[in-house]
Protein backbone atom coordinates (compact mmCIF):
# COMPACT_ATOMS: atom_id res chain seq x y z
CA MET A 1 0.00 0.00 0.00
CA LEU A 2 1.93 3.03 1.29
CA ASP A 3 5.29 1.32 0.73
CA SER A 4 4.74 0.89 -3.03
CA PHE A 5 3.72 4.54 -3.35
CA VAL A 6 6.89 5.65 -1.59
CA PHE A 7 9.37 3.53 -3.48
CA ASN A 8 7.88 4.05 -6.95
CA TYR A 9 7.78 7.79 -6.44
CA PHE A 10 11.21 7.87 -4.88
CA ILE A 11 12.90 5.88 -7.63
CA SER A 12 11.42 8.23 -10.22
CA MET A 13 13.08 11.14 -8.39
CA ILE A 14 16.58 9.64 -8.44
CA LYS A 15 18.20 10.43 -11.77
CA ASN A 16 21.84 10.23 -10.76
CA GLU A 17 23.10 6.65 -11.05
CA LYS A 18 25.56 7.01 -8.17
CA THR A 19 22.74 8.28 -5.96
CA ARG A 20 20.70 5.21 -6.85
CA TYR A 21 23.57 2.95 -5.80
CA ILE A 22 23.85 4.79 -2.49
CA PHE A 23 20.11 4.53 -1.84
CA TRP A 24 19.89 0.84 -2.74
CA GLY A 25 22.96 0.16 -0.61
CA GLY A 26 20.92 1.19 2.43
CA VAL A 27 18.00 -1.00 1.33
CA VAL A 28 20.34 -3.98 1.05
CA CYS A 29 21.64 -3.31 4.58
CA ILE A 30 18.08 -3.33 5.94
CA LEU A 31 17.30 -6.60 4.17
CA MET A 32 20.53 -8.13 5.50
CA TYR A 33 19.32 -7.21 9.00
CA TYR A 34 16.55 -9.81 8.48
CA ILE A 35 18.81 -12.67 7.37
CA PRO A 36 18.83 -14.22 10.90
CA VAL A 37 15.01 -14.02 10.94
CA LEU A 38 14.73 -15.78 7.58
CA TRP A 39 17.17 -18.43 8.77
CA LEU A 40 15.51 -19.05 12.14
CA GLY A 41 11.83 -18.63 11.24
CA GLN A 42 9.64 -18.89 14.33
CA ASN A 43 12.73 -19.65 16.36
CA SER A 44 13.55 -15.96 15.97
CA HIS A 45 13.45 -13.67 18.99
CA VAL A 46 10.66 -11.11 19.17
CA ILE A 47 10.35 -8.44 21.86
CA ILE A 48 8.17 -9.75 24.70
CA HIS A 49 7.75 -6.70 26.93
CA ASP A 50 4.71 -4.64 25.80
CA ASN A 51 4.71 -6.62 22.56
CA LEU A 52 4.14 -10.40 22.64
CA ASP A 53 2.59 -10.01 26.08
CA GLY A 54 -0.04 -7.55 24.85
CA GLU A 55 -0.07 -5.53 21.62
CA PHE A 56 0.64 -8.58 19.46
CA ILE A 57 -2.43 -10.32 20.87
CA TYR A 58 -4.61 -7.25 20.27
CA ARG A 59 -3.82 -7.45 16.56
CA ILE A 60 -5.02 -11.06 16.49
CA TRP A 61 -8.26 -10.11 18.27
CA MET A 62 -8.94 -7.41 15.69
CA THR A 63 -9.25 -10.14 13.04
CA LEU A 64 -11.87 -12.12 15.01
CA ASP A 65 -15.05 -10.31 13.94
CA GLY A 66 -17.89 -12.83 13.82
CA SER A 67 -16.10 -15.60 15.75
CA ASP A 68 -17.29 -17.16 19.02
CA LYS A 69 -14.54 -15.22 20.82
CA TYR A 70 -15.93 -11.89 19.64
CA ASN A 71 -19.64 -11.11 19.38
CA ASN A 72 -22.16 -8.62 20.71
CA GLY A 73 -19.41 -6.00 20.82
CA MET A 74 -17.38 -8.01 23.37
CA ILE A 75 -14.15 -9.98 23.23
CA TRP A 76 -15.08 -12.98 25.37
CA GLN A 77 -11.65 -14.57 25.50
CA VAL A 78 -10.43 -12.29 28.30
CA MET A 79 -11.79 -10.76 31.50
CA ASN A 80 -15.18 -12.43 31.10
CA GLY A 81 -15.87 -10.08 28.22
CA LEU A 82 -13.79 -7.04 27.25
CA PRO A 83 -15.72 -4.31 25.38
CA ARG A 84 -14.37 -4.14 21.83
CA ASP A 85 -14.32 -0.33 22.00
CA TYR A 86 -11.42 -0.50 24.44
CA LEU A 87 -9.18 -1.56 21.54
CA GLN A 88 -8.12 0.15 18.33
CA THR A 89 -10.28 -0.05 15.26
CA SER A 90 -9.62 -2.77 12.70
CA LEU A 91 -8.97 -0.08 10.07
CA ASN A 92 -5.22 -0.41 10.40
CA MET A 93 -2.50 -1.72 8.12
CA THR A 94 -1.14 -4.09 10.78
CA VAL A 95 -4.55 -5.72 11.17
CA LEU A 96 -4.66 -6.29 7.41
CA PHE A 97 -1.36 -8.15 7.60
CA PHE A 98 -2.67 -10.31 10.45
CA GLN A 99 -5.73 -11.14 8.35
CA ILE A 100 -3.64 -12.15 5.34
CA PHE A 101 -0.73 -13.94 7.01
CA SER A 102 -0.10 -16.13 10.04
CA PRO A 103 0.67 -14.01 13.16
CA PHE A 104 4.46 -14.45 13.01
CA ILE A 105 4.69 -13.74 9.27
CA ALA A 106 2.37 -10.74 9.70
CA TYR A 107 4.63 -9.33 12.41
CA ILE A 108 7.77 -9.69 10.27
CA VAL A 109 6.16 -8.32 7.08
CA ASN A 110 4.89 -5.31 9.01
CA ASP A 111 8.32 -4.75 10.55
CA ILE A 112 10.18 -4.98 7.22
CA LEU A 113 7.84 -2.58 5.43
CA ALA A 114 7.88 -0.11 8.32
CA ARG A 115 11.69 0.03 8.32
CA LEU A 116 11.93 0.35 4.54
CA ILE A 117 9.47 3.25 4.62
CA ALA A 118 11.41 4.79 7.52
CA TYR A 119 14.57 4.63 5.44
CA ALA A 120 13.01 6.08 2.29
CA GLY A 121 11.15 8.79 4.22
CA MET A 122 14.24 9.96 6.11
CA PHE A 123 16.26 9.84 2.88
CA LEU A 124 13.76 12.15 1.17
CA LEU A 125 13.53 14.50 4.14
CA LEU A 126 17.30 14.89 4.51
CA LYS A 127 17.95 15.09 0.78
CA GLN A 128 15.39 17.77 -0.03
CA TYR A 129 15.03 19.86 3.11
CA VAL A 130 17.97 19.38 5.49
CA LEU A 131 21.11 18.78 3.40
CA SER A 132 19.89 20.00 0.02
CA GLU A 133 22.54 22.74 -0.28
CA THR A 134 25.42 20.25 -0.33
CA TRP A 135 23.58 17.36 -1.99
CA ILE A 136 25.87 17.34 -5.05
CA ASP A 137 28.80 16.27 -2.82
CA GLN A 138 29.28 12.51 -2.47
CA ARG A 139 30.04 12.90 1.25
CA THR A 140 26.59 14.37 1.82
CA LYS A 141 24.90 11.62 -0.18
CA PHE A 142 26.65 8.95 1.84
CA LEU A 143 25.81 10.75 5.09
CA VAL A 144 22.13 10.88 4.11
CA MET A 145 22.16 7.15 3.45
CA VAL A 146 23.91 6.37 6.74
CA CYS A 147 21.63 8.54 8.88
CA SER A 148 18.52 7.19 7.12
CA LEU A 149 19.73 3.66 7.75
CA LEU A 150 20.42 4.50 11.38
CA PHE A 151 16.85 5.73 11.81
CA ALA A 152 15.41 2.65 10.09
CA LEU A 153 17.31 0.31 12.46
CA ILE A 154 16.27 2.02 15.70
CA PRO A 155 14.64 -0.63 17.95
CA THR A 156 11.01 0.41 18.18
CA TYR A 157 7.57 -1.18 18.45
CA THR A 158 6.42 -1.34 14.84
CA VAL A 159 3.38 -3.40 15.84
CA TYR A 160 1.97 -0.14 17.29
CA GLY A 161 0.25 0.70 14.02
CA GLY A 162 3.27 0.07 11.81
CA LEU A 163 4.40 3.61 10.95
CA THR A 164 3.67 5.27 14.28
CA VAL A 165 7.36 6.22 14.60
CA MET A 166 8.88 4.93 11.38
CA GLY A 167 6.53 6.91 9.11
CA GLN A 168 7.07 10.34 10.67
CA PRO A 169 9.84 11.55 8.28
CA LEU A 170 7.75 10.69 5.24
CA LEU A 171 4.71 12.49 6.67
CA PHE A 172 6.70 15.62 7.55
CA TRP A 173 8.32 15.54 4.11
CA SER A 174 4.83 15.61 2.57
CA PHE A 175 3.76 18.58 4.71
CA LEU A 176 6.98 20.44 3.86
CA ASN A 177 6.14 19.90 0.20
CA LEU A 178 2.74 21.48 0.76
CA TRP A 179 4.33 24.33 2.73
CA ASN A 180 6.60 24.99 -0.24
CA ASN A 181 3.69 24.82 -2.73
CA LYS A 182 4.68 21.45 -4.19
CA ASN A 183 1.09 20.30 -4.42
CA SER A 184 1.45 16.78 -5.77
CA TRP A 185 -1.33 14.20 -5.32
CA PHE A 186 1.37 12.01 -3.78
CA ASN A 187 1.62 14.29 -0.73
CA TYR A 188 -2.11 14.09 -0.07
CA ALA A 189 -2.06 10.32 -0.61
CA ILE A 190 0.58 9.92 2.10
CA ILE A 191 -1.38 12.15 4.48
CA VAL A 192 -4.62 10.19 3.93
CA LEU A 193 -2.94 6.79 4.27
CA PHE A 194 -0.81 7.63 7.32
CA PRO A 195 -3.67 7.32 9.89
CA PHE A 196 -4.37 3.81 8.58
CA CYS A 197 -0.75 2.89 9.34
CA SER A 198 -0.20 4.51 12.75
CA SER A 199 -1.67 5.12 16.19
CA PHE A 200 -3.60 8.32 16.94
CA PHE A 201 -3.10 8.06 20.70
CA LEU A 202 0.66 7.45 20.51
CA THR A 203 1.68 9.97 17.85
CA GLY A 204 -1.23 11.07 15.67
CA PHE A 205 -2.69 13.55 18.14
CA PHE A 206 0.72 15.04 18.92
CA ILE A 207 1.69 15.32 15.26
CA CYS A 208 -1.57 17.18 14.61
CA VAL A 209 -0.77 19.57 17.48
CA VAL A 210 2.75 20.26 16.16
CA LEU A 211 1.55 20.81 12.60
CA SER A 212 -1.21 23.12 13.86
CA LEU A 213 1.39 25.21 15.69
CA VAL A 214 3.50 25.37 12.52
CA TRP A 215 0.52 26.57 10.49
CA MET A 216 -0.39 29.18 13.12
CA TYR A 217 3.24 30.37 13.15
CA GLY A 218 3.10 30.87 9.39
CA LEU A 219 -0.21 32.70 9.70
CA CYS A 220 0.96 35.04 12.49
CA VAL A 221 4.55 35.68 11.38
CA PHE A 222 4.43 35.46 7.59
CA LYS A 223 0.74 36.50 7.25
CA ARG A 224 0.20 33.56 4.91
CA VAL A 225 -2.71 31.14 5.15
CA LYS A 226 -0.81 28.27 3.51
CA LYS A 227 -4.06 26.80 2.20
CA GLU A 228 -2.57 23.54 0.89
CA PHE A 229 -0.84 22.88 4.21
CA LEU A 230 -4.10 23.55 6.06
CA ILE A 231 -6.02 21.18 3.76
CA GLY A 232 -3.46 18.47 4.49
CA LEU A 233 -3.75 19.08 8.23
CA ILE A 234 -7.55 18.91 8.14
CA LEU A 235 -7.37 15.72 6.07
CA LEU A 236 -4.99 14.15 8.59
CA GLY A 237 -7.26 15.00 11.54
CA VAL A 238 -10.48 13.87 9.84
CA VAL A 239 -9.05 10.54 8.69
CA TYR A 240 -7.65 9.89 12.17
CA CYS A 241 -11.13 10.47 13.63
CA LEU A 242 -12.52 7.93 11.16
CA THR A 243 -9.85 5.28 11.76
CA GLU A 244 -9.90 5.62 15.56
CA TYR A 245 -13.66 6.10 16.00
CA ARG A 246 -13.95 3.20 18.44
CA MET A 247 -11.45 4.45 21.01
CA ILE A 248 -12.48 8.09 20.63
CA PHE A 249 -16.09 7.09 21.20
CA SER A 250 -15.17 4.99 24.23
CA VAL A 251 -13.18 7.86 25.78
CA LEU A 252 -15.93 10.44 25.22
CA PHE A 253 -19.17 8.51 25.55
CA GLU A 254 -18.59 5.05 27.06
CA LYS A 255 -20.70 4.54 30.19
CA SER A 256 -18.29 2.10 31.84
CA GLN A 257 -15.28 3.78 33.39
CA SER A 258 -11.75 2.83 32.38
CA HIS A 259 -9.25 1.55 34.91
CA ARG A 260 -7.04 4.43 33.73
CA LEU A 261 -9.07 6.71 36.01
CA GLU A 262 -7.10 5.26 38.92
CA PHE A 263 -3.71 5.97 37.38
CA SER A 264 -1.61 7.68 40.00
CA SER A 265 1.92 9.04 39.93
CA MET A 266 4.59 6.75 41.32
CA TYR A 267 7.23 9.47 40.79
CA SER A 268 8.89 11.63 43.43
CA TRP A 269 10.35 15.03 42.54
CA ILE A 270 13.74 13.44 42.11
CA ASP A 271 12.17 10.85 39.81
CA ILE A 272 10.57 13.56 37.66
CA LEU A 273 13.90 15.32 37.20
CA TYR A 274 15.67 12.02 36.56
CA GLU A 275 13.11 10.86 33.97
CA THR A 276 13.37 14.16 32.09
CA LEU A 277 17.17 14.12 32.06
CA LYS A 278 17.12 10.50 30.95
CA LEU A 279 14.76 11.48 28.14
CA LEU A 280 17.30 14.07 27.03
CA PHE A 281 20.10 11.54 26.62
CA VAL A 282 18.17 8.34 25.79
CA THR A 283 14.80 8.36 24.04
CA GLN A 284 11.85 6.49 25.57
CA TYR A 285 11.91 2.79 24.62
CA HIS A 286 8.42 2.67 23.11
CA SER A 287 9.30 5.47 20.72
CA GLY A 288 12.59 3.82 19.72
CA VAL A 289 15.78 3.56 21.75
CA PHE A 290 18.37 6.07 20.59
CA THR A 291 21.08 7.99 22.43
CA SER A 292 21.56 11.68 21.76
CA VAL A 293 25.03 11.80 23.35
CA PRO A 294 27.06 11.58 20.07
CA CYS A 295 24.85 14.26 18.52
CA ILE A 296 25.20 16.52 21.57
CA ILE A 297 29.01 16.13 21.50
CA MET A 298 29.17 17.17 17.84
CA LEU A 299 26.72 19.99 18.45
CA LEU A 300 28.91 21.37 21.24
CA VAL A 301 31.95 21.25 18.93
CA LEU A 302 29.97 23.07 16.26
CA LEU A 303 28.80 25.67 18.77
CA PHE A 304 32.40 26.33 19.71
CA LEU A 305 33.45 26.67 16.06
CA ASN A 306 30.54 28.87 14.96
CA LYS A 307 30.00 30.67 18.26
CA GLY A 308 26.33 29.74 18.18
CA VAL A 309 23.74 27.74 16.21
CA LYS A 310 23.73 29.18 12.68
CA GLN A 311 21.48 26.74 10.82
CA LYS A 312 17.77 27.54 11.06
CA THR A 313 16.92 23.82 10.89
CA ASP A 314 19.10 23.17 13.94
CA GLN A 315 17.48 26.04 15.83
CA VAL A 316 13.99 24.68 15.17
CA ILE A 317 14.92 21.13 16.19
CA ILE A 318 16.64 22.27 19.40
CA LEU A 319 13.55 24.35 20.23
CA CYS A 320 11.30 21.31 19.62
CA ILE A 321 13.44 18.99 21.75
CA GLY A 322 13.61 21.54 24.58
CA SER A 323 9.83 22.02 24.45
CA ILE A 324 9.22 18.27 24.59
CA LEU A 325 11.43 17.94 27.68
CA ILE A 326 9.69 20.87 29.41
CA LEU A 327 6.26 19.46 28.55
CA ASN A 328 7.33 16.11 29.98
CA MET A 329 8.20 17.75 33.31
CA ILE A 330 4.94 19.74 33.34
CA TYR A 331 2.87 16.63 32.62
CA LEU A 332 4.57 14.58 35.35
CA TYR A 333 4.10 17.48 37.77
CA LEU A 334 0.38 17.83 36.93
CA PHE A 335 -0.10 14.08 37.00
CA LYS A 336 1.39 14.04 40.48
CA GLN A 337 -0.80 16.90 41.73
CA THR A 338 -4.17 16.74 40.00
CA ASP A 339 -7.29 14.58 40.00
CA ILE A 340 -8.51 15.93 36.64
CA THR A 341 -9.79 12.94 34.67
CA ILE A 342 -8.48 13.90 31.24
CA ILE A 343 -4.92 14.27 32.58
CA ARG A 344 -5.09 10.84 34.21
CA ILE A 345 -6.52 8.82 31.33
CA PHE A 346 -4.53 10.41 28.48
CA GLN A 347 -0.73 10.51 28.45
CA TRP A 348 -0.08 14.11 27.37
CA ASN A 349 3.72 13.84 27.38
CA ARG A 350 3.86 11.50 24.39
CA PHE A 351 5.40 14.24 22.29
CA TYR A 352 8.54 12.24 23.10
CA PHE A 353 7.54 9.88 20.29
CA LEU A 354 8.87 12.60 17.97
CA LEU A 355 12.35 12.58 19.56
CA PRO A 356 14.10 9.76 17.59
CA GLY A 357 13.35 11.41 14.25
CA LEU A 358 14.34 14.85 15.53
CA TRP A 359 17.65 13.60 16.91
CA ILE A 360 18.51 11.80 13.64
CA VAL A 361 17.80 14.93 11.59
CA LEU A 362 19.94 17.00 13.97
CA LEU A 363 22.68 14.36 13.84
CA ALA A 364 22.71 14.52 10.04
CA SER A 365 22.79 18.32 10.03
CA VAL A 366 25.65 18.78 12.52
CA SER A 367 27.63 15.90 10.95
CA ASN A 368 27.35 17.52 7.53
CA GLN A 369 28.47 20.90 8.87
CA LEU A 370 31.49 19.32 10.54
CA LEU A 371 32.39 17.45 7.36
CA TYR A 372 32.51 20.73 5.48
CA ALA A 373 34.38 22.38 8.32
CA SER A 374 36.95 19.62 7.81
CA CYS A 375 38.47 21.61 4.95
CA LYS A 376 40.66 23.21 7.64
CA LYS A 377 41.36 20.19 9.85
CA PRO A 378 40.18 17.13 7.93
CA VAL A 379 41.64 14.48 10.20
CA TYR A 380 40.07 15.72 13.42
CA PHE A 381 36.55 16.56 12.21
CA GLN A 382 36.14 13.60 9.87
CA ALA A 383 37.34 11.26 12.61
CA LEU A 384 34.87 12.84 15.04
CA VAL A 385 31.92 12.45 12.66
CA ILE A 386 32.80 8.86 11.76
CA SER A 387 33.36 7.83 15.37
CA MET A 388 30.15 9.46 16.64
CA ILE A 389 28.02 7.85 13.92
CA ALA A 390 29.74 4.52 14.59
CA VAL A 391 28.93 4.87 18.30
CA SER A 392 25.30 5.61 17.38
CA PHE A 393 25.09 2.45 15.27
CA LEU A 394 26.71 0.32 17.97
CA TYR A 395 24.30 1.70 20.57
CA VAL A 396 21.25 1.05 18.38
CA LEU A 397 22.29 -2.53 17.59
CA ASN A 398 23.20 -3.21 21.22
CA LYS A 399 19.77 -2.02 22.39
CA ASN A 400 17.98 -4.07 19.74
CA GLU A 401 16.90 -7.11 21.74
CA GLU A 402 15.50 -8.89 18.69
CA PHE A 403 18.72 -8.53 16.72
CA LYS A 404 20.92 -9.59 19.65
CA GLY A 405 18.60 -12.49 20.49
CA ASN A 406 18.75 -13.80 16.93
CA ILE A 407 22.55 -13.54 16.81
CA ARG A 408 22.74 -15.45 20.12
CA GLU A 409 20.30 -18.04 18.79
CA LEU A 410 22.42 -18.58 15.67
CA ALA A 411 25.58 -18.79 17.76
CA GLY A 412 23.85 -21.17 20.15
CA ARG A 413 23.14 -23.62 17.37
CA PHE A 414 26.88 -24.00 16.91
CA PHE A 415 28.14 -23.70 20.49
CA MET A 416 25.24 -24.83 22.73
CA LYS A 417 22.92 -27.80 22.75
CA GLU A 418 19.82 -25.82 23.65
CA SER A 419 18.96 -22.16 23.96
CA ARG A 420 17.44 -21.11 27.28
CA SER A 421 16.00 -17.78 26.17
CA PRO A 422 12.50 -17.69 24.67
CA SER A 423 12.19 -17.33 20.93
CA PHE A 424 8.76 -16.68 19.40
CA ALA A 425 8.04 -20.42 19.17
CA ARG A 426 9.42 -21.22 22.63
CA PHE A 427 7.47 -18.35 24.19
CA PHE A 428 4.05 -19.33 22.84
CA SER A 429 4.80 -23.11 22.84
CA PRO A 430 1.72 -24.32 20.91
CA ALA A 431 2.67 -28.00 21.19
CA LEU A 432 2.89 -27.79 25.00
CA PHE A 433 -0.46 -26.05 25.34
CA ASP A 434 -2.08 -28.47 22.91
CA GLN A 435 -1.15 -31.17 25.43
CA ILE A 436 -2.88 -29.19 28.20
CA LYS A 437 -5.94 -28.58 26.03
CA ASP A 438 -6.20 -32.28 25.16
CA TYR A 439 -5.73 -33.27 28.80
CA ILE A 440 -8.58 -31.01 29.97
CA GLY A 441 -10.72 -32.34 27.13
CA ARG A 442 -13.36 -29.57 27.10
CA ASP A 443 -14.15 -26.79 24.69
CA GLN A 444 -11.93 -23.88 25.68
CA SER A 445 -14.86 -21.45 25.76
CA GLU A 446 -16.58 -23.50 28.50
CA TYR A 447 -14.11 -22.65 31.27
CA ARG A 448 -11.74 -19.90 32.38
CA VAL A 449 -8.08 -20.13 33.39
CA ILE A 450 -5.69 -17.82 35.23
CA CYS A 451 -1.90 -17.73 35.05
CA LEU A 452 0.88 -17.49 37.62
CA GLY A 453 4.51 -16.73 36.72
CA ILE A 454 3.65 -16.70 33.03
CA HIS A 455 2.19 -14.00 30.80
CA PRO A 456 -1.53 -14.60 30.13
CA SER A 457 -0.89 -13.80 26.46
CA VAL A 458 0.70 -17.25 26.11
CA ALA A 459 -2.54 -18.96 27.14
CA ILE A 460 -4.60 -16.50 25.08
CA TYR A 461 -2.53 -17.13 21.95
CA ASN A 462 -3.22 -20.85 22.37
CA GLY A 463 -6.98 -20.33 22.51
CA PHE A 464 -7.67 -20.40 26.26
CA PHE A 465 -10.12 -18.00 27.88
CA THR A 466 -8.40 -16.12 30.69
CA LEU A 467 -9.48 -13.94 33.58
CA ASP A 468 -6.14 -12.11 33.50
CA SER A 469 -4.72 -10.01 30.71
CA TYR A 470 -2.49 -7.04 29.88
CA GLN A 471 -4.77 -4.25 28.66
CA THR A 472 -4.01 -0.58 28.09
CA SER A 473 -7.63 0.11 28.99
CA TYR A 474 -10.37 -2.06 30.50
CA PRO A 475 -13.40 -1.51 32.79
CA LEU A 476 -12.54 -0.15 36.23
CA GLU A 477 -15.24 -2.37 37.72
CA TYR A 478 -13.37 -5.46 36.55
CA LYS A 479 -10.13 -4.24 38.12
CA HIS A 480 -11.87 -3.94 41.51
CA GLN A 481 -13.44 -7.38 41.10
CA PHE A 482 -10.12 -8.97 40.10
CA ARG A 483 -8.28 -7.27 42.96
CA ARG A 484 -10.27 -9.33 45.46
CA ILE A 485 -8.42 -12.42 44.20
CA ILE A 486 -4.97 -11.04 44.99
CA CYS A 487 -5.68 -8.49 47.74
CA ARG A 488 -3.87 -10.46 50.47
CA GLU A 489 -0.81 -10.98 48.24
CA LEU A 490 -0.73 -7.25 47.47
CA ASP A 491 -0.82 -6.47 51.19
CA LYS A 492 2.39 -8.48 51.63
CA ASP A 493 4.38 -6.23 49.26
CA SER A 494 3.90 -2.45 49.20
CA ASP A 495 5.67 -2.03 45.84
CA LEU A 496 3.48 -4.67 44.23
CA LYS A 497 0.42 -3.04 45.75
CA LYS A 498 1.35 0.38 44.32
CA TYR A 499 2.10 -1.23 40.95
CA PHE A 500 -1.38 -2.72 40.71
CA ASP A 501 -3.41 0.00 42.42
CA ASN A 502 -1.70 2.99 40.80
CA TRP A 503 -1.43 1.45 37.34
CA GLY A 504 -3.02 -1.97 36.97
CA SER A 505 -2.79 -2.45 33.21
CA ARG A 506 -1.20 -5.81 33.90
CA CYS A 507 -4.23 -7.39 35.49
CA TYR A 508 -2.28 -10.46 36.62
CA MET A 509 -2.50 -12.92 39.52
CA TYR A 510 0.55 -11.72 41.44
CA ALA A 511 2.39 -13.58 44.17
CA SER A 512 4.56 -11.53 46.52
CA GLU A 513 7.23 -14.24 46.43
CA LEU A 514 7.57 -13.81 42.67
CA LYS A 515 7.28 -10.00 42.67
CA ARG A 516 6.44 -9.05 39.05
CA ASN A 517 8.22 -12.04 37.53
CA CYS A 518 6.08 -13.42 34.71
CA MET A 519 8.91 -15.17 32.90
CA VAL A 520 9.61 -18.15 35.17
CA GLY A 521 11.09 -20.71 32.77
CA LYS A 522 11.55 -24.43 33.21
CA TYR A 523 15.22 -23.90 34.03
CA ASP A 524 14.40 -21.70 37.03
CA THR A 525 14.31 -23.42 40.41
CA ILE A 526 11.56 -21.26 41.90
CA SER A 527 8.48 -22.27 43.83
CA VAL A 528 5.81 -20.44 45.81
CA LYS A 529 5.69 -21.60 49.40
CA SER A 530 2.68 -19.68 50.64
CA LEU A 531 0.26 -18.35 48.06
CA ASP A 532 -2.60 -16.42 49.65
CA ILE A 533 -5.31 -15.87 47.05
CA ASP A 534 -9.09 -15.79 47.40
CA VAL A 535 -10.13 -19.05 45.72
CA PRO A 536 -13.92 -18.53 46.25
CA VAL A 537 -13.67 -15.29 44.23
CA LEU A 538 -11.79 -17.18 41.51
CA GLN A 539 -14.61 -19.71 41.38
CA GLU A 540 -17.20 -16.95 41.41
CA MET A 541 -15.53 -15.43 38.33
CA GLY A 542 -15.59 -18.77 36.53
CA ALA A 543 -11.98 -19.93 36.85
CA ALA A 544 -11.54 -23.68 36.60
CA TYR A 545 -7.76 -24.02 36.29
CA ILE A 546 -4.51 -22.26 37.19
CA PHE A 547 -1.64 -22.42 34.70
CA SER A 548 1.35 -21.99 36.98
CA ALA A 549 4.99 -21.77 35.93
CA VAL A 550 5.94 -22.63 39.54
CA GLU A 551 4.96 -25.26 42.05
CA ILE A 552 2.45 -23.97 44.64
CA GLN A 553 3.53 -25.73 47.81
CA ASN A 554 0.37 -24.88 49.81
CA ALA A 555 -2.00 -25.89 47.02
CA ASN A 556 -3.94 -28.32 49.22
CA GLN A 557 -4.68 -25.60 51.79
CA LEU A 558 -6.14 -23.44 49.00
CA ASN A 559 -8.38 -26.26 47.76
CA LEU A 560 -6.30 -26.60 44.60
CA SER A 561 -5.55 -30.03 43.20
CA MET A 562 -2.42 -30.51 41.14
CA GLU A 563 -3.47 -32.38 38.00
CA LYS A 564 -0.27 -32.79 36.02
CA VAL A 565 3.06 -31.15 35.14
CA PHE A 566 3.50 -30.41 31.44
CA GLU A 567 6.87 -29.94 29.80
CA ASP A 568 8.18 -29.97 26.23
CA GLU A 569 11.79 -29.89 25.04
CA ASN A 570 10.97 -27.11 22.56
CA SER A 571 9.18 -24.95 25.12
CA TYR A 572 10.48 -22.28 27.49
CA TRP A 573 7.88 -23.24 30.09
CA ARG A 574 7.08 -25.96 32.59
CA ILE A 575 3.38 -25.72 33.42
CA TYR A 576 1.85 -26.98 36.65
CA LEU A 577 -1.85 -27.49 36.00
CA TYR A 578 -3.97 -26.88 39.12
CA LYS A 579 -7.69 -27.55 39.19
CA ILE A 580 -9.69 -25.14 41.33
CA GLY A 581 -12.05 -26.78 43.81
């Protein structure tokens, strides 16, 4: 869809043969990044945190319209019925991939296309609007390729709508075209398609705010309406409202209250300052992990040489980054102080999702200026630029858990008999859970299960109906009901209690002895000596079995009968099956 538009249009723009080689060199590097994935298949490593434990499962649910797990506007597989409006609409590119392909293939296809579009979009943005003055120089062309590749390889959550982060350069490039009266249909096509490929609540809203401020700046300072830019902005907002109608409706009109109303700050004043400073030097992991330190070092050198920031692009980016950091502090301060509903349920500081792209553009700009300053001292400045970009690449690859996991997996096949870290296949372990399903011998929709020491998404992926789940939003009433199960365990650990009461998106059956550990593998020698849960409430909510990754030593006292221990050589888990009652 959007990827074919981008590449066909982009290739038509490249007339210089050397430029084509440089561009395609970056594409080849991105494809080489996926060689371990192609080799390993489902034995590849995929991010678990906030991904396989949640967002990945949501995409599968969005393809279930008309099934027995989803009817009457409810997803019955979790929480005894989760209102469908608490999830994104199905009008999203990632959902289309999950409808066409198997879940693993859909995830990889979405990731590849997102990174290719990120590369092409950043290439266009840098080439035409950031480094256009020196584009004829081969050093600049190579720098554009390298910085675009660096952005494309940033470890981020592409399952969050696909282009939520990766598509930003292409979108801003389109709006800059409209600002400069380059009114091609291609620009409007990108703007219309972008909401179908991204998340409104993670970046869409904040992008609309930034673009609105840009348009108002042009109106007030230059006294120009910029009609084409305004049309693009209106189109973007309207299409977002159409694609995200479910969640917008649930926020504004849903009668049941979201558990997000009980969100409460767990930050002290020191924490607020620390989080903001950390955001300055390392971007937030959901938005893509990138360190600004190499860029800041080169910027300081450039400031010393030029006695100030001369480039207007650099000035604008520094202003944007500073504003995002200040807004982050203000939001955390208000969140700590206020009981206003809209501040509690909506995360207003998510402007930080714009930071990776901003830092890459600034990195490209200051690197290019230093390369041209190298006419005087070529050895020093060229060495600085090369070393800082190399450090950026090393940092990005080191923080990429999927890449590192796949390299370890490949190495393990040569140097180890068996890998102990969970790949995609070992995490979900369909063969193991088929054994459990066959052992129980009932239709999975007829009973409910709950998990201990294991993410509920594993059971959900394998078709079981769970009381527990990781949800970004779910009914507050259910949170209070579920809390009765684990209230005595929460009372044993104040940190665990704050974690559930002040946040609670992981609606899990916690044990104080395990803390928040939901990755207890079969190689771990952990057991729970004294689990204190309310079994009658579990029965009242329909639970028939506990899938536990640990042995519960006081199971008999809780009226739990241990049925069987399930284990598979290709699984990460050992599952103790306990029958309730």
